[in-house]
PDB file of all heavy atoms in Angstrom:
ATOM      1  N   THR A   1       7.715 -16.499  -0.392  1.00  0.00           N
ATOM      2  CA  THR A   1       8.648 -15.479  -0.854  1.00  0.00           C
ATOM      3  C   THR A   1       7.871 -14.176  -0.947  1.00  0.00           C
ATOM      4  O   THR A   1       6.781 -14.142  -1.535  1.00  0.00           O
ATOM      5  CB  THR A   1       9.236 -15.841  -2.227  1.00  0.00           C
ATOM      6  OG1 THR A   1       9.886 -17.108  -2.148  1.00  0.00           O
ATOM      7  CG2 THR A   1      10.240 -14.782  -2.679  1.00  0.00           C
ATOM      8  N   MET A   2       8.412 -13.121  -0.377  1.00  0.00           N
ATOM      9  CA  MET A   2       7.677 -11.862  -0.334  1.00  0.00           C
ATOM     10  C   MET A   2       8.632 -10.677  -0.289  1.00  0.00           C
ATOM     11  O   MET A   2       9.844 -10.842  -0.136  1.00  0.00           O
ATOM     12  CB  MET A   2       6.750 -11.824   0.895  1.00  0.00           C
ATOM     13  CG  MET A   2       7.427 -12.115   2.224  1.00  0.00           C
ATOM     14  SD  MET A   2       8.388 -10.749   2.936  1.00  0.00           S
ATOM     15  CE  MET A   2       7.052  -9.674   3.461  1.00  0.00           C
ATOM     16  N   ILE A   3       8.066  -9.486  -0.477  1.00  0.00           N
ATOM     17  CA  ILE A   3       8.809  -8.240  -0.299  1.00  0.00           C
ATOM     18  C   ILE A   3       8.041  -7.407   0.718  1.00  0.00           C
ATOM     19  O   ILE A   3       6.892  -7.024   0.477  1.00  0.00           O
ATOM     20  CB  ILE A   3       8.961  -7.461  -1.616  1.00  0.00           C
ATOM     21  CG1 ILE A   3       9.676  -8.312  -2.672  1.00  0.00           C
ATOM     22  CG2 ILE A   3       9.735  -6.158  -1.373  1.00  0.00           C
ATOM     23  CD1 ILE A   3       9.755  -7.652  -4.037  1.00  0.00           C
ATOM     24  N   GLY A   4       8.654  -7.165   1.860  1.00  0.00           N
ATOM     25  CA  GLY A   4       8.034  -6.356   2.892  1.00  0.00           C
ATOM     26  C   GLY A   4       8.433  -4.897   2.741  1.00  0.00           C
ATOM     27  O   GLY A   4       9.536  -4.583   2.284  1.00  0.00           O
ATOM     28  N   VAL A   5       7.532  -4.004   3.128  1.00  0.00           N
ATOM     29  CA  VAL A   5       7.778  -2.565   3.049  1.00  0.00           C
ATOM     30  C   VAL A   5       7.321  -1.928   4.353  1.00  0.00           C
ATOM     31  O   VAL A   5       6.194  -2.159   4.798  1.00  0.00           O
ATOM     32  CB  VAL A   5       7.008  -1.909   1.880  1.00  0.00           C
ATOM     33  CG1 VAL A   5       7.371  -0.429   1.772  1.00  0.00           C
ATOM     34  CG2 VAL A   5       7.283  -2.624   0.568  1.00  0.00           C
ATOM     35  N   GLU A   6       8.198  -1.137   4.962  1.00  0.00           N
ATOM     36  CA  GLU A   6       7.861  -0.398   6.172  1.00  0.00           C
ATOM     37  C   GLU A   6       7.864   1.099   5.856  1.00  0.00           C
ATOM     38  O   GLU A   6       8.909   1.657   5.503  1.00  0.00           O
ATOM     39  CB  GLU A   6       8.878  -0.676   7.284  1.00  0.00           C
ATOM     40  CG  GLU A   6       9.136  -2.139   7.574  1.00  0.00           C
ATOM     41  CD  GLU A   6       7.924  -2.872   8.121  1.00  0.00           C
ATOM     42  OE1 GLU A   6       7.061  -2.201   8.743  1.00  0.00           O
ATOM     43  OE2 GLU A   6       7.828  -4.086   7.917  1.00  0.00           O
ATOM     44  N   VAL A   7       6.700   1.721   5.934  1.00  0.00           N
ATOM     45  CA  VAL A   7       6.570   3.146   5.636  1.00  0.00           C
ATOM     46  C   VAL A   7       6.034   3.863   6.880  1.00  0.00           C
ATOM     47  O   VAL A   7       4.947   3.524   7.358  1.00  0.00           O
ATOM     48  CB  VAL A   7       5.605   3.397   4.459  1.00  0.00           C
ATOM     49  CG1 VAL A   7       5.540   4.892   4.142  1.00  0.00           C
ATOM     50  CG2 VAL A   7       6.036   2.613   3.228  1.00  0.00           C
ATOM     51  N   PRO A   8       6.768   4.831   7.425  1.00  0.00           N
ATOM     52  CA  PRO A   8       6.201   5.613   8.534  1.00  0.00           C
ATOM     53  C   PRO A   8       4.871   6.240   8.117  1.00  0.00           C
ATOM     54  O   PRO A   8       4.734   6.764   7.007  1.00  0.00           O
ATOM     55  CB  PRO A   8       7.273   6.682   8.791  1.00  0.00           C
ATOM     56  CG  PRO A   8       8.543   6.070   8.288  1.00  0.00           C
ATOM     57  CD  PRO A   8       8.152   5.247   7.099  1.00  0.00           C
ATOM     58  N   LYS A   9       3.890   6.183   8.983  1.00  0.00           N
ATOM     59  CA  LYS A   9       2.571   6.718   8.634  1.00  0.00           C
ATOM     60  C   LYS A   9       2.645   8.192   8.249  1.00  0.00           C
ATOM     61  O   LYS A   9       1.856   8.669   7.431  1.00  0.00           O
ATOM     62  CB  LYS A   9       1.620   6.524   9.820  1.00  0.00           C
ATOM     63  CG  LYS A   9       1.388   5.068  10.198  1.00  0.00           C
ATOM     64  CD  LYS A   9       0.580   4.964  11.496  1.00  0.00           C
ATOM     65  CE  LYS A   9       0.460   3.533  11.969  1.00  0.00           C
ATOM     66  NZ  LYS A   9      -0.252   3.420  13.256  1.00  0.00           N
ATOM     67  N   THR A  10       3.604   8.910   8.829  1.00  0.00           N
ATOM     68  CA  THR A  10       3.710  10.341   8.560  1.00  0.00           C
ATOM     69  C   THR A  10       4.177  10.635   7.137  1.00  0.00           C
ATOM     70  O   THR A  10       4.045  11.767   6.671  1.00  0.00           O
ATOM     71  CB  THR A  10       4.691  10.996   9.548  1.00  0.00           C
ATOM     72  OG1 THR A  10       5.958  10.300   9.491  1.00  0.00           O
ATOM     73  CG2 THR A  10       4.147  10.952  10.963  1.00  0.00           C
ATOM     74  N   LEU A  11       4.724   9.635   6.429  1.00  0.00           N
ATOM     75  CA  LEU A  11       5.193   9.850   5.061  1.00  0.00           C
ATOM     76  C   LEU A  11       4.093   9.655   4.029  1.00  0.00           C
ATOM     77  O   LEU A  11       4.280   9.986   2.850  1.00  0.00           O
ATOM     78  CB  LEU A  11       6.360   8.911   4.737  1.00  0.00           C
ATOM     79  CG  LEU A  11       7.694   9.171   5.438  1.00  0.00           C
ATOM     80  CD1 LEU A  11       8.772   8.269   4.858  1.00  0.00           C
ATOM     81  CD2 LEU A  11       8.104  10.635   5.308  1.00  0.00           C
ATOM     82  N   LEU A  12       2.970   9.099   4.431  1.00  0.00           N
ATOM     83  CA  LEU A  12       1.875   8.878   3.491  1.00  0.00           C
ATOM     84  C   LEU A  12       1.180  10.197   3.181  1.00  0.00           C
ATOM     85  O   LEU A  12       1.064  11.078   4.033  1.00  0.00           O
ATOM     86  CB  LEU A  12       0.874   7.882   4.058  1.00  0.00           C
ATOM     87  CG  LEU A  12       1.392   6.447   4.244  1.00  0.00           C
ATOM     88  CD1 LEU A  12       0.328   5.592   4.918  1.00  0.00           C
ATOM     89  CD2 LEU A  12       1.795   5.837   2.906  1.00  0.00           C
ATOM     90  N   GLY A  13       0.703  10.302   1.961  1.00  0.00           N
ATOM     91  CA  GLY A  13       0.032  11.518   1.535  1.00  0.00           C
ATOM     92  C   GLY A  13      -1.445  11.545   1.845  1.00  0.00           C
ATOM     93  O   GLY A  13      -2.174  12.393   1.320  1.00  0.00           O
ATOM     94  N   LEU A  14      -1.920  10.628   2.689  1.00  0.00           N
ATOM     95  CA  LEU A  14      -3.303  10.613   3.175  1.00  0.00           C
ATOM     96  C   LEU A  14      -3.270  10.604   4.694  1.00  0.00           C
ATOM     97  O   LEU A  14      -2.375   9.995   5.288  1.00  0.00           O
ATOM     98  CB  LEU A  14      -4.043   9.359   2.691  1.00  0.00           C
ATOM     99  CG  LEU A  14      -4.450   9.274   1.220  1.00  0.00           C
ATOM    100  CD1 LEU A  14      -4.974   7.876   0.914  1.00  0.00           C
ATOM    101  CD2 LEU A  14      -5.506  10.314   0.880  1.00  0.00           C
ATOM    102  N   PRO A  15      -4.238  11.239   5.357  1.00  0.00           N
ATOM    103  CA  PRO A  15      -4.309  11.130   6.821  1.00  0.00           C
ATOM    104  C   PRO A  15      -4.417   9.659   7.210  1.00  0.00           C
ATOM    105  O   PRO A  15      -5.148   8.888   6.573  1.00  0.00           O
ATOM    106  CB  PRO A  15      -5.589  11.902   7.167  1.00  0.00           C
ATOM    107  CG  PRO A  15      -5.835  12.794   6.010  1.00  0.00           C
ATOM    108  CD  PRO A  15      -5.324  12.064   4.805  1.00  0.00           C
ATOM    109  N   TRP A  16      -3.688   9.266   8.259  1.00  0.00           N
ATOM    110  CA  TRP A  16      -3.682   7.850   8.611  1.00  0.00           C
ATOM    111  C   TRP A  16      -5.078   7.344   8.989  1.00  0.00           C
ATOM    112  O   TRP A  16      -5.431   6.200   8.705  1.00  0.00           O
ATOM    113  CB  TRP A  16      -2.694   7.563   9.737  1.00  0.00           C
ATOM    114  CG  TRP A  16      -2.693   6.095  10.073  1.00  0.00           C
ATOM    115  CD1 TRP A  16      -3.054   5.504  11.236  1.00  0.00           C
ATOM    116  CD2 TRP A  16      -2.352   5.030   9.180  1.00  0.00           C
ATOM    117  NE1 TRP A  16      -2.960   4.145  11.141  1.00  0.00           N
ATOM    118  CE2 TRP A  16      -2.524   3.811   9.886  1.00  0.00           C
ATOM    119  CE3 TRP A  16      -1.916   4.971   7.852  1.00  0.00           C
ATOM    120  CZ2 TRP A  16      -2.287   2.566   9.307  1.00  0.00           C
ATOM    121  CZ3 TRP A  16      -1.674   3.729   7.277  1.00  0.00           C
ATOM    122  CH2 TRP A  16      -1.855   2.551   8.004  1.00  0.00           C
ATOM    123  N   GLY A  17      -5.901   8.189   9.573  1.00  0.00           N
ATOM    124  CA  GLY A  17      -7.253   7.767   9.888  1.00  0.00           C
ATOM    125  C   GLY A  17      -8.025   7.335   8.661  1.00  0.00           C
ATOM    126  O   GLY A  17      -8.894   6.468   8.733  1.00  0.00           O
ATOM    127  N   ARG A  18      -7.694   7.937   7.517  1.00  0.00           N
ATOM    128  CA  ARG A  18      -8.310   7.547   6.232  1.00  0.00           C
ATOM    129  C   ARG A  18      -7.617   6.330   5.655  1.00  0.00           C
ATOM    130  O   ARG A  18      -8.260   5.365   5.253  1.00  0.00           O
ATOM    131  CB  ARG A  18      -8.203   8.728   5.266  1.00  0.00           C
ATOM    132  CG  ARG A  18      -8.905   8.510   3.940  1.00  0.00           C
ATOM    133  CD  ARG A  18     -10.370   8.823   4.050  1.00  0.00           C
ATOM    134  NE  ARG A  18     -10.960   9.052   2.749  1.00  0.00           N
ATOM    135  CZ  ARG A  18     -11.682   8.153   2.089  1.00  0.00           C
ATOM    136  NH1 ARG A  18     -11.897   6.954   2.613  1.00  0.00           N
ATOM    137  NH2 ARG A  18     -12.205   8.439   0.914  1.00  0.00           N
ATOM    138  N   ALA A  19      -6.294   6.370   5.607  1.00  0.00           N
ATOM    139  CA  ALA A  19      -5.532   5.272   5.010  1.00  0.00           C
ATOM    140  C   ALA A  19      -5.706   3.968   5.775  1.00  0.00           C
ATOM    141  O   ALA A  19      -5.643   2.873   5.205  1.00  0.00           O
ATOM    142  CB  ALA A  19      -4.050   5.639   4.949  1.00  0.00           C
ATOM    143  N   GLN A  20      -5.966   4.061   7.079  1.00  0.00           N
ATOM    144  CA  GLN A  20      -6.090   2.874   7.924  1.00  0.00           C
ATOM    145  C   GLN A  20      -7.238   1.965   7.482  1.00  0.00           C
ATOM    146  O   GLN A  20      -7.250   0.772   7.791  1.00  0.00           O
ATOM    147  CB  GLN A  20      -6.288   3.299   9.371  1.00  0.00           C
ATOM    148  CG  GLN A  20      -6.196   2.163  10.380  1.00  0.00           C
ATOM    149  CD  GLN A  20      -6.444   2.670  11.793  1.00  0.00           C
ATOM    150  OE1 GLN A  20      -7.293   3.535  12.011  1.00  0.00           O
ATOM    151  NE2 GLN A  20      -5.693   2.152  12.742  1.00  0.00           N
ATOM    152  N   GLN A  21      -8.192   2.513   6.735  1.00  0.00           N
ATOM    153  CA  GLN A  21      -9.318   1.714   6.263  1.00  0.00           C
ATOM    154  C   GLN A  21      -8.884   0.621   5.284  1.00  0.00           C
ATOM    155  O   GLN A  21      -9.656  -0.289   4.986  1.00  0.00           O
ATOM    156  CB  GLN A  21     -10.352   2.622   5.588  1.00  0.00           C
ATOM    157  CG  GLN A  21     -10.951   3.671   6.505  1.00  0.00           C
ATOM    158  CD  GLN A  21     -11.836   4.641   5.758  1.00  0.00           C
ATOM    159  OE1 GLN A  21     -12.592   4.256   4.866  1.00  0.00           O
ATOM    160  NE2 GLN A  21     -11.750   5.914   6.100  1.00  0.00           N
ATOM    161  N   ILE A  22      -7.646   0.700   4.797  1.00  0.00           N
ATOM    162  CA  ILE A  22      -7.118  -0.304   3.869  1.00  0.00           C
ATOM    163  C   ILE A  22      -6.769  -1.599   4.587  1.00  0.00           C
ATOM    164  O   ILE A  22      -6.786  -2.683   4.001  1.00  0.00           O
ATOM    165  CB  ILE A  22      -5.867   0.257   3.160  1.00  0.00           C
ATOM    166  CG1 ILE A  22      -6.284   1.339   2.166  1.00  0.00           C
ATOM    167  CG2 ILE A  22      -5.082  -0.825   2.458  1.00  0.00           C
ATOM    168  CD1 ILE A  22      -7.146   0.842   1.025  1.00  0.00           C
ATOM    169  N   VAL A  23      -6.431  -1.523   5.875  1.00  0.00           N
ATOM    170  CA  VAL A  23      -6.014  -2.717   6.621  1.00  0.00           C
ATOM    171  C   VAL A  23      -7.107  -3.775   6.536  1.00  0.00           C
ATOM    172  O   VAL A  23      -8.271  -3.512   6.830  1.00  0.00           O
ATOM    173  CB  VAL A  23      -5.718  -2.369   8.097  1.00  0.00           C
ATOM    174  CG1 VAL A  23      -5.428  -3.632   8.903  1.00  0.00           C
ATOM    175  CG2 VAL A  23      -4.534  -1.395   8.188  1.00  0.00           C
ATOM    176  N   GLY A  24      -6.708  -4.962   6.116  1.00  0.00           N
ATOM    177  CA  GLY A  24      -7.656  -6.066   6.001  1.00  0.00           C
ATOM    178  C   GLY A  24      -8.321  -6.193   4.655  1.00  0.00           C
ATOM    179  O   GLY A  24      -9.031  -7.167   4.403  1.00  0.00           O
ATOM    180  N   ARG A  25      -8.066  -5.229   3.759  1.00  0.00           N
ATOM    181  CA  ARG A  25      -8.657  -5.300   2.424  1.00  0.00           C
ATOM    182  C   ARG A  25      -7.668  -5.907   1.441  1.00  0.00           C
ATOM    183  O   ARG A  25      -6.465  -5.723   1.545  1.00  0.00           O
ATOM    184  CB  ARG A  25      -9.078  -3.908   1.939  1.00  0.00           C
ATOM    185  CG  ARG A  25     -10.208  -3.306   2.742  1.00  0.00           C
ATOM    186  CD  ARG A  25     -10.578  -1.924   2.279  1.00  0.00           C
ATOM    187  NE  ARG A  25     -10.894  -1.843   0.861  1.00  0.00           N
ATOM    188  CZ  ARG A  25     -11.412  -0.762   0.280  1.00  0.00           C
ATOM    189  NH1 ARG A  25     -11.674   0.315   1.009  1.00  0.00           N
ATOM    190  NH2 ARG A  25     -11.669  -0.746  -1.009  1.00  0.00           N
ATOM    191  N   GLY A  26      -8.187  -6.631   0.467  1.00  0.00           N
ATOM    192  CA  GLY A  26      -7.327  -7.221  -0.554  1.00  0.00           C
ATOM    193  C   GLY A  26      -6.914  -6.182  -1.584  1.00  0.00           C
ATOM    194  O   GLY A  26      -7.740  -5.431  -2.098  1.00  0.00           O
ATOM    195  N   LEU A  27      -5.629  -6.099  -1.872  1.00  0.00           N
ATOM    196  CA  LEU A  27      -5.094  -5.192  -2.881  1.00  0.00           C
ATOM    197  C   LEU A  27      -4.283  -6.005  -3.870  1.00  0.00           C
ATOM    198  O   LEU A  27      -3.410  -6.784  -3.481  1.00  0.00           O
ATOM    199  CB  LEU A  27      -4.214  -4.120  -2.241  1.00  0.00           C
ATOM    200  CG  LEU A  27      -4.888  -3.193  -1.218  1.00  0.00           C
ATOM    201  CD1 LEU A  27      -3.848  -2.288  -0.566  1.00  0.00           C
ATOM    202  CD2 LEU A  27      -5.971  -2.366  -1.884  1.00  0.00           C
ATOM    203  N   SER A  28      -4.541  -5.829  -5.151  1.00  0.00           N
ATOM    204  CA  SER A  28      -3.871  -6.618  -6.174  1.00  0.00           C
ATOM    205  C   SER A  28      -2.601  -5.937  -6.662  1.00  0.00           C
ATOM    206  O   SER A  28      -2.572  -4.717  -6.859  1.00  0.00           O
ATOM    207  CB  SER A  28      -4.817  -6.847  -7.359  1.00  0.00           C
ATOM    208  OG  SER A  28      -4.131  -7.481  -8.427  1.00  0.00           O
ATOM    209  N   GLY A  29      -1.568  -6.746  -6.880  1.00  0.00           N
ATOM    210  CA  GLY A  29      -0.347  -6.262  -7.502  1.00  0.00           C
ATOM    211  C   GLY A  29      -0.276  -6.629  -8.970  1.00  0.00           C
ATOM    212  O   GLY A  29       0.792  -6.593  -9.579  1.00  0.00           O
ATOM    213  N   ARG A  30      -1.418  -6.978  -9.547  1.00  0.00           N
ATOM    214  CA  ARG A  30      -1.455  -7.430 -10.937  1.00  0.00           C
ATOM    215  C   ARG A  30      -2.027  -6.397 -11.895  1.00  0.00           C
ATOM    216  O   ARG A  30      -1.974  -6.601 -13.111  1.00  0.00           O
ATOM    217  CB  ARG A  30      -2.277  -8.728 -11.033  1.00  0.00           C
ATOM    218  CG  ARG A  30      -1.678  -9.902 -10.293  1.00  0.00           C
ATOM    219  CD  ARG A  30      -2.567 -11.126 -10.365  1.00  0.00           C
ATOM    220  NE  ARG A  30      -3.793 -10.949  -9.585  1.00  0.00           N
ATOM    221  CZ  ARG A  30      -3.883 -11.143  -8.267  1.00  0.00           C
ATOM    222  NH1 ARG A  30      -2.813 -11.523  -7.599  1.00  0.00           N
ATOM    223  NH2 ARG A  30      -5.019 -10.962  -7.630  1.00  0.00           N
ATOM    224  N   GLU A  31      -2.579  -5.307 -11.392  1.00  0.00           N
ATOM    225  CA  GLU A  31      -3.197  -4.333 -12.281  1.00  0.00           C
ATOM    226  C   GLU A  31      -3.166  -2.950 -11.645  1.00  0.00           C
ATOM    227  O   GLU A  31      -2.996  -2.801 -10.427  1.00  0.00           O
ATOM    228  CB  GLU A  31      -4.653  -4.726 -12.572  1.00  0.00           C
ATOM    229  CG  GLU A  31      -5.502  -4.852 -11.313  1.00  0.00           C
ATOM    230  CD  GLU A  31      -6.867  -5.450 -11.588  1.00  0.00           C
ATOM    231  OE1 GLU A  31      -7.064  -5.970 -12.697  1.00  0.00           O
ATOM    232  OE2 GLU A  31      -7.728  -5.383 -10.687  1.00  0.00           O
ATOM    233  N   GLY A  32      -3.340  -1.925 -12.478  1.00  0.00           N
ATOM    234  CA  GLY A  32      -3.426  -0.559 -11.991  1.00  0.00           C
ATOM    235  C   GLY A  32      -2.187  -0.109 -11.236  1.00  0.00           C
ATOM    236  O   GLY A  32      -1.056  -0.506 -11.528  1.00  0.00           O
ATOM    237  N   VAL A  33      -2.414   0.728 -10.235  1.00  0.00           N
ATOM    238  CA  VAL A  33      -1.304   1.248  -9.434  1.00  0.00           C
ATOM    239  C   VAL A  33      -0.621   0.115  -8.674  1.00  0.00           C
ATOM    240  O   VAL A  33       0.591   0.158  -8.440  1.00  0.00           O
ATOM    241  CB  VAL A  33      -1.803   2.327  -8.454  1.00  0.00           C
ATOM    242  CG1 VAL A  33      -0.656   2.852  -7.588  1.00  0.00           C
ATOM    243  CG2 VAL A  33      -2.428   3.495  -9.213  1.00  0.00           C
ATOM    244  N   GLY A  34      -1.373  -0.930  -8.309  1.00  0.00           N
ATOM    245  CA  GLY A  34      -0.770  -2.073  -7.630  1.00  0.00           C
ATOM    246  C   GLY A  34       0.295  -2.735  -8.469  1.00  0.00           C
ATOM    247  O   GLY A  34       1.359  -3.122  -7.964  1.00  0.00           O
ATOM    248  N   ALA A  35       0.041  -2.874  -9.770  1.00  0.00           N
ATOM    249  CA  ALA A  35       1.043  -3.459 -10.668  1.00  0.00           C
ATOM    250  C   ALA A  35       2.260  -2.557 -10.779  1.00  0.00           C
ATOM    251  O   ALA A  35       3.403  -3.026 -10.846  1.00  0.00           O
ATOM    252  CB  ALA A  35       0.428  -3.701 -12.051  1.00  0.00           C
ATOM    253  N   LEU A  36       2.025  -1.243 -10.791  1.00  0.00           N
ATOM    254  CA  LEU A  36       3.135  -0.293 -10.855  1.00  0.00           C
ATOM    255  C   LEU A  36       3.991  -0.385  -9.593  1.00  0.00           C
ATOM    256  O   LEU A  36       5.225  -0.384  -9.657  1.00  0.00           O
ATOM    257  CB  LEU A  36       2.575   1.115 -11.024  1.00  0.00           C
ATOM    258  CG  LEU A  36       3.552   2.222 -11.410  1.00  0.00           C
ATOM    259  CD1 LEU A  36       4.210   1.924 -12.744  1.00  0.00           C
ATOM    260  CD2 LEU A  36       2.823   3.558 -11.471  1.00  0.00           C
ATOM    261  N   LEU A  37       3.339  -0.503  -8.434  1.00  0.00           N
ATOM    262  CA  LEU A  37       4.069  -0.641  -7.177  1.00  0.00           C
ATOM    263  C   LEU A  37       4.833  -1.957  -7.131  1.00  0.00           C
ATOM    264  O   LEU A  37       5.998  -2.004  -6.703  1.00  0.00           O
ATOM    265  CB  LEU A  37       3.102  -0.546  -5.992  1.00  0.00           C
ATOM    266  CG  LEU A  37       3.694  -0.770  -4.596  1.00  0.00           C
ATOM    267  CD1 LEU A  37       4.839   0.193  -4.319  1.00  0.00           C
ATOM    268  CD2 LEU A  37       2.606  -0.625  -3.537  1.00  0.00           C
ATOM    269  N   ALA A  38       4.200  -3.045  -7.582  1.00  0.00           N
ATOM    270  CA  ALA A  38       4.883  -4.346  -7.599  1.00  0.00           C
ATOM    271  C   ALA A  38       6.099  -4.300  -8.517  1.00  0.00           C
ATOM    272  O   ALA A  38       7.173  -4.833  -8.184  1.00  0.00           O
ATOM    273  CB  ALA A  38       3.914  -5.438  -8.047  1.00  0.00           C
ATOM    274  N   GLN A  39       5.951  -3.662  -9.668  1.00  0.00           N
ATOM    275  CA  GLN A  39       7.067  -3.531 -10.605  1.00  0.00           C
ATOM    276  C   GLN A  39       8.205  -2.730  -9.983  1.00  0.00           C
ATOM    277  O   GLN A  39       9.387  -3.080 -10.122  1.00  0.00           O
ATOM    278  CB  GLN A  39       6.575  -2.851 -11.884  1.00  0.00           C
ATOM    279  CG  GLN A  39       7.647  -2.689 -12.961  1.00  0.00           C
ATOM    280  CD  GLN A  39       7.111  -1.933 -14.162  1.00  0.00           C
ATOM    281  OE1 GLN A  39       6.320  -0.998 -14.034  1.00  0.00           O
ATOM    282  NE2 GLN A  39       7.521  -2.336 -15.349  1.00  0.00           N
ATOM    283  N   PHE A  40       7.857  -1.657  -9.284  1.00  0.00           N
ATOM    284  CA  PHE A  40       8.877  -0.835  -8.632  1.00  0.00           C
ATOM    285  C   PHE A  40       9.613  -1.645  -7.567  1.00  0.00           C
ATOM    286  O   PHE A  40      10.852  -1.597  -7.485  1.00  0.00           O
ATOM    287  CB  PHE A  40       8.220   0.392  -8.003  1.00  0.00           C
ATOM    288  CG  PHE A  40       9.187   1.287  -7.271  1.00  0.00           C
ATOM    289  CD1 PHE A  40       9.896   2.262  -7.947  1.00  0.00           C
ATOM    290  CD2 PHE A  40       9.392   1.142  -5.911  1.00  0.00           C
ATOM    291  CE1 PHE A  40      10.795   3.084  -7.281  1.00  0.00           C
ATOM    292  CE2 PHE A  40      10.290   1.950  -5.226  1.00  0.00           C
ATOM    293  CZ  PHE A  40      10.989   2.925  -5.911  1.00  0.00           C
TER     294      PHE A  40
END
């Protein structure tokens, strides 16, 4: 069970070349901004 999100790269507030470094990294939805995003 999951919630998928599709965001055009142009809508992000970081250059995609910078934001792309997140791909493959673990991000938690249990704390910090991740918890806020999961709650939203």
